[in-house]
Amino acid sequence: MDLPQAIDSKFRFILVAAKRARQLQSGARSLIQTQSRRPTRIAQQEVEAGLVPFVTEEATAADTGKRIRSGK
């Protein structure tokens, strides 16, 4: 499996795709045209295409740290 550049590990890919698959099962519309009807496969294709935005906790913590330092 080739990971998109924005995703740093297979574990993160699976987490992002699983969350997106739950959204699709709950009624969210697909972001891509695909032959598949399975939410898990559709979610994987969306993540591979870079259409599913996500934020890591590390990025959020780093942004918060920058705001605190710049406020002094």
N, C-alpha and C. Protein backbone atom coordinates (compact mmCIF):
# COMPACT_ATOMS: atom_id res chain seq x y z
N MET A 1 0.84 -1.17 0.00
CA MET A 1 0.00 0.00 0.00
C MET A 1 0.88 1.23 0.00
N ASP A 2 0.61 2.12 -0.93
CA ASP A 2 1.34 3.39 -0.98
C ASP A 2 0.53 4.44 -0.23
N LEU A 3 1.19 5.07 0.72
CA LEU A 3 0.51 6.09 1.53
C LEU A 3 0.60 7.46 0.87
N PRO A 4 -0.47 8.25 1.00
CA PRO A 4 -0.38 9.64 0.51
C PRO A 4 0.70 10.38 1.29
N GLN A 5 1.27 11.42 0.71
CA GLN A 5 2.36 12.15 1.36
C GLN A 5 1.94 12.79 2.68
N ALA A 6 0.70 13.21 2.79
CA ALA A 6 0.24 13.89 4.00
C ALA A 6 0.11 12.95 5.19
N ILE A 7 0.07 11.66 4.94
CA ILE A 7 -0.13 10.68 6.01
C ILE A 7 1.20 10.02 6.32
N ASP A 8 1.55 10.02 7.61
CA ASP A 8 2.87 9.57 8.02
C ASP A 8 2.96 8.09 8.36
N SER A 9 1.83 7.38 8.54
CA SER A 9 1.90 5.96 8.89
C SER A 9 0.63 5.23 8.43
N LYS A 10 0.74 3.92 8.32
CA LYS A 10 -0.41 3.10 7.97
C LYS A 10 -1.49 3.20 9.04
N PHE A 11 -1.06 3.30 10.28
CA PHE A 11 -2.00 3.41 11.39
C PHE A 11 -2.85 4.66 11.24
N ARG A 12 -2.25 5.79 10.94
CA ARG A 12 -3.01 7.04 10.77
C ARG A 12 -3.94 6.94 9.56
N PHE A 13 -3.48 6.30 8.48
CA PHE A 13 -4.32 6.11 7.30
C PHE A 13 -5.59 5.35 7.67
N ILE A 14 -5.43 4.27 8.43
CA ILE A 14 -6.57 3.45 8.84
C ILE A 14 -7.51 4.24 9.73
N LEU A 15 -6.97 5.03 10.67
CA LEU A 15 -7.81 5.82 11.57
C LEU A 15 -8.63 6.86 10.79
N VAL A 16 -7.99 7.55 9.88
CA VAL A 16 -8.67 8.59 9.10
C VAL A 16 -9.73 7.94 8.20
N ALA A 17 -9.39 6.84 7.54
CA ALA A 17 -10.34 6.16 6.66
C ALA A 17 -11.51 5.58 7.46
N ALA A 18 -11.25 5.06 8.64
CA ALA A 18 -12.32 4.48 9.46
C ALA A 18 -13.30 5.56 9.91
N LYS A 19 -12.78 6.70 10.31
CA LYS A 19 -13.65 7.79 10.73
C LYS A 19 -14.50 8.27 9.55
N ARG A 20 -13.89 8.39 8.38
CA ARG A 20 -14.62 8.82 7.19
C ARG A 20 -15.67 7.77 6.80
N ALA A 21 -15.35 6.48 6.93
CA ALA A 21 -16.31 5.41 6.61
C ALA A 21 -17.53 5.51 7.53
N ARG A 22 -17.31 5.83 8.81
CA ARG A 22 -18.44 6.01 9.72
C ARG A 22 -19.31 7.18 9.28
N GLN A 23 -18.68 8.26 8.81
CA GLN A 23 -19.45 9.40 8.31
C GLN A 23 -20.29 8.99 7.09
N LEU A 24 -19.69 8.20 6.19
CA LEU A 24 -20.42 7.74 5.01
C LEU A 24 -21.59 6.85 5.40
N GLN A 25 -21.38 5.97 6.38
CA GLN A 25 -22.46 5.10 6.84
C GLN A 25 -23.58 5.89 7.49
N SER A 26 -23.26 7.03 8.05
CA SER A 26 -24.26 7.87 8.71
C SER A 26 -24.99 8.78 7.73
N GLY A 27 -24.64 8.71 6.46
CA GLY A 27 -25.37 9.48 5.46
C GLY A 27 -24.59 10.56 4.75
N ALA A 28 -23.31 10.75 5.07
CA ALA A 28 -22.51 11.76 4.38
C ALA A 28 -22.36 11.37 2.90
N ARG A 29 -22.27 12.36 2.06
CA ARG A 29 -22.11 12.10 0.63
C ARG A 29 -20.65 11.84 0.29
N SER A 30 -20.46 10.98 -0.69
CA SER A 30 -19.13 10.65 -1.15
C SER A 30 -18.49 11.85 -1.85
N LEU A 31 -17.19 12.00 -1.67
CA LEU A 31 -16.45 13.10 -2.30
C LEU A 31 -15.90 12.72 -3.66
N ILE A 32 -16.04 11.44 -4.04
CA ILE A 32 -15.53 10.96 -5.32
C ILE A 32 -16.58 10.09 -6.01
N GLN A 33 -16.42 9.93 -7.31
CA GLN A 33 -17.24 8.99 -8.07
C GLN A 33 -16.50 7.66 -8.09
N THR A 34 -17.18 6.61 -7.67
CA THR A 34 -16.54 5.30 -7.62
C THR A 34 -17.55 4.21 -7.93
N GLN A 35 -17.05 3.06 -8.33
CA GLN A 35 -17.90 1.90 -8.61
C GLN A 35 -18.27 1.17 -7.31
N SER A 36 -17.47 1.36 -6.28
CA SER A 36 -17.67 0.65 -5.02
C SER A 36 -18.87 1.20 -4.27
N ARG A 37 -19.55 0.33 -3.57
CA ARG A 37 -20.66 0.73 -2.71
C ARG A 37 -20.29 0.59 -1.24
N ARG A 38 -19.15 0.00 -0.97
CA ARG A 38 -18.73 -0.22 0.41
C ARG A 38 -18.14 1.06 0.99
N PRO A 39 -18.67 1.52 2.12
CA PRO A 39 -18.17 2.75 2.73
C PRO A 39 -16.68 2.70 3.08
N THR A 40 -16.19 1.54 3.47
CA THR A 40 -14.77 1.44 3.83
C THR A 40 -13.88 1.67 2.62
N ARG A 41 -14.23 1.09 1.48
CA ARG A 41 -13.42 1.25 0.27
C ARG A 41 -13.52 2.68 -0.27
N ILE A 42 -14.73 3.25 -0.21
CA ILE A 42 -14.91 4.63 -0.67
C ILE A 42 -14.05 5.56 0.19
N ALA A 43 -14.08 5.35 1.51
CA ALA A 43 -13.29 6.18 2.43
C ALA A 43 -11.80 6.06 2.13
N GLN A 44 -11.32 4.84 1.87
CA GLN A 44 -9.91 4.65 1.55
C GLN A 44 -9.54 5.42 0.28
N GLN A 45 -10.39 5.36 -0.72
CA GLN A 45 -10.12 6.07 -1.98
C GLN A 45 -10.11 7.58 -1.77
N GLU A 46 -11.01 8.08 -0.93
CA GLU A 46 -11.05 9.50 -0.65
C GLU A 46 -9.78 9.95 0.07
N VAL A 47 -9.33 9.16 1.03
CA VAL A 47 -8.11 9.50 1.77
C VAL A 47 -6.90 9.45 0.83
N GLU A 48 -6.82 8.43 -0.01
CA GLU A 48 -5.72 8.32 -0.96
C GLU A 48 -5.68 9.51 -1.92
N ALA A 49 -6.86 10.04 -2.27
CA ALA A 49 -6.94 11.17 -3.18
C ALA A 49 -6.67 12.50 -2.48
N GLY A 50 -6.53 12.46 -1.15
CA GLY A 50 -6.25 13.68 -0.39
C GLY A 50 -7.47 14.57 -0.18
N LEU A 51 -8.66 13.99 -0.26
CA LEU A 51 -9.90 14.76 -0.13
C LEU A 51 -10.44 14.83 1.29
N VAL A 52 -9.83 14.07 2.19
CA VAL A 52 -10.32 14.05 3.57
C VAL A 52 -9.32 14.81 4.45
N PRO A 53 -9.73 15.99 4.91
CA PRO A 53 -8.81 16.77 5.77
C PRO A 53 -8.75 16.17 7.17
N PHE A 54 -7.59 16.26 7.80
CA PHE A 54 -7.44 15.80 9.17
C PHE A 54 -6.36 16.61 9.85
N VAL A 55 -6.44 16.68 11.17
CA VAL A 55 -5.46 17.41 11.96
C VAL A 55 -4.96 16.48 13.05
N THR A 56 -3.65 16.42 13.22
CA THR A 56 -3.09 15.59 14.28
C THR A 56 -3.01 16.37 15.57
N GLU A 57 -2.98 15.67 16.68
CA GLU A 57 -2.86 16.34 17.98
C GLU A 57 -1.52 17.05 18.10
N GLU A 58 -0.48 16.50 17.49
CA GLU A 58 0.84 17.13 17.54
C GLU A 58 0.79 18.49 16.85
N ALA A 59 0.11 18.55 15.70
CA ALA A 59 0.00 19.80 14.97
C ALA A 59 -0.80 20.83 15.77
N THR A 60 -1.85 20.36 16.42
CA THR A 60 -2.66 21.25 17.23
C THR A 60 -1.86 21.78 18.40
N ALA A 61 -1.10 20.93 19.06
CA ALA A 61 -0.27 21.34 20.20
C ALA A 61 0.81 22.32 19.74
N ALA A 62 1.39 22.08 18.59
CA ALA A 62 2.42 22.98 18.07
C ALA A 62 1.83 24.35 17.75
N ASP A 63 0.64 24.38 17.18
CA ASP A 63 -0.02 25.65 16.87
C ASP A 63 -0.33 26.41 18.16
N THR A 64 -0.79 25.70 19.18
CA THR A 64 -1.11 26.33 20.45
C THR A 64 0.16 26.92 21.08
N GLY A 65 1.26 26.17 21.01
CA GLY A 65 2.52 26.66 21.55
C GLY A 65 2.99 27.92 20.85
N LYS A 66 2.82 27.98 19.55
CA LYS A 66 3.23 29.17 18.79
C LYS A 66 2.40 30.38 19.20
N ARG A 67 1.11 30.16 19.42
CA ARG A 67 0.25 31.27 19.81
C ARG A 67 0.63 31.81 21.18
N ILE A 68 0.99 30.91 22.09
CA ILE A 68 1.35 31.33 23.44
C ILE A 68 2.64 32.14 23.40
N ARG A 69 3.63 31.67 22.63
CA ARG A 69 4.91 32.37 22.55
C ARG A 69 4.77 33.73 21.87
N SER A 70 3.94 33.82 20.84
CA SER A 70 3.82 35.09 20.14
C SER A 70 3.00 36.12 20.93
N GLY A 71 2.23 35.66 21.92
CA GLY A 71 1.42 36.57 22.71
C GLY A 71 2.21 37.31 23.77
N LYS A 72 3.47 36.94 24.00
CA LYS A 72 4.28 37.59 25.06
C LYS A 72 4.85 38.87 24.62
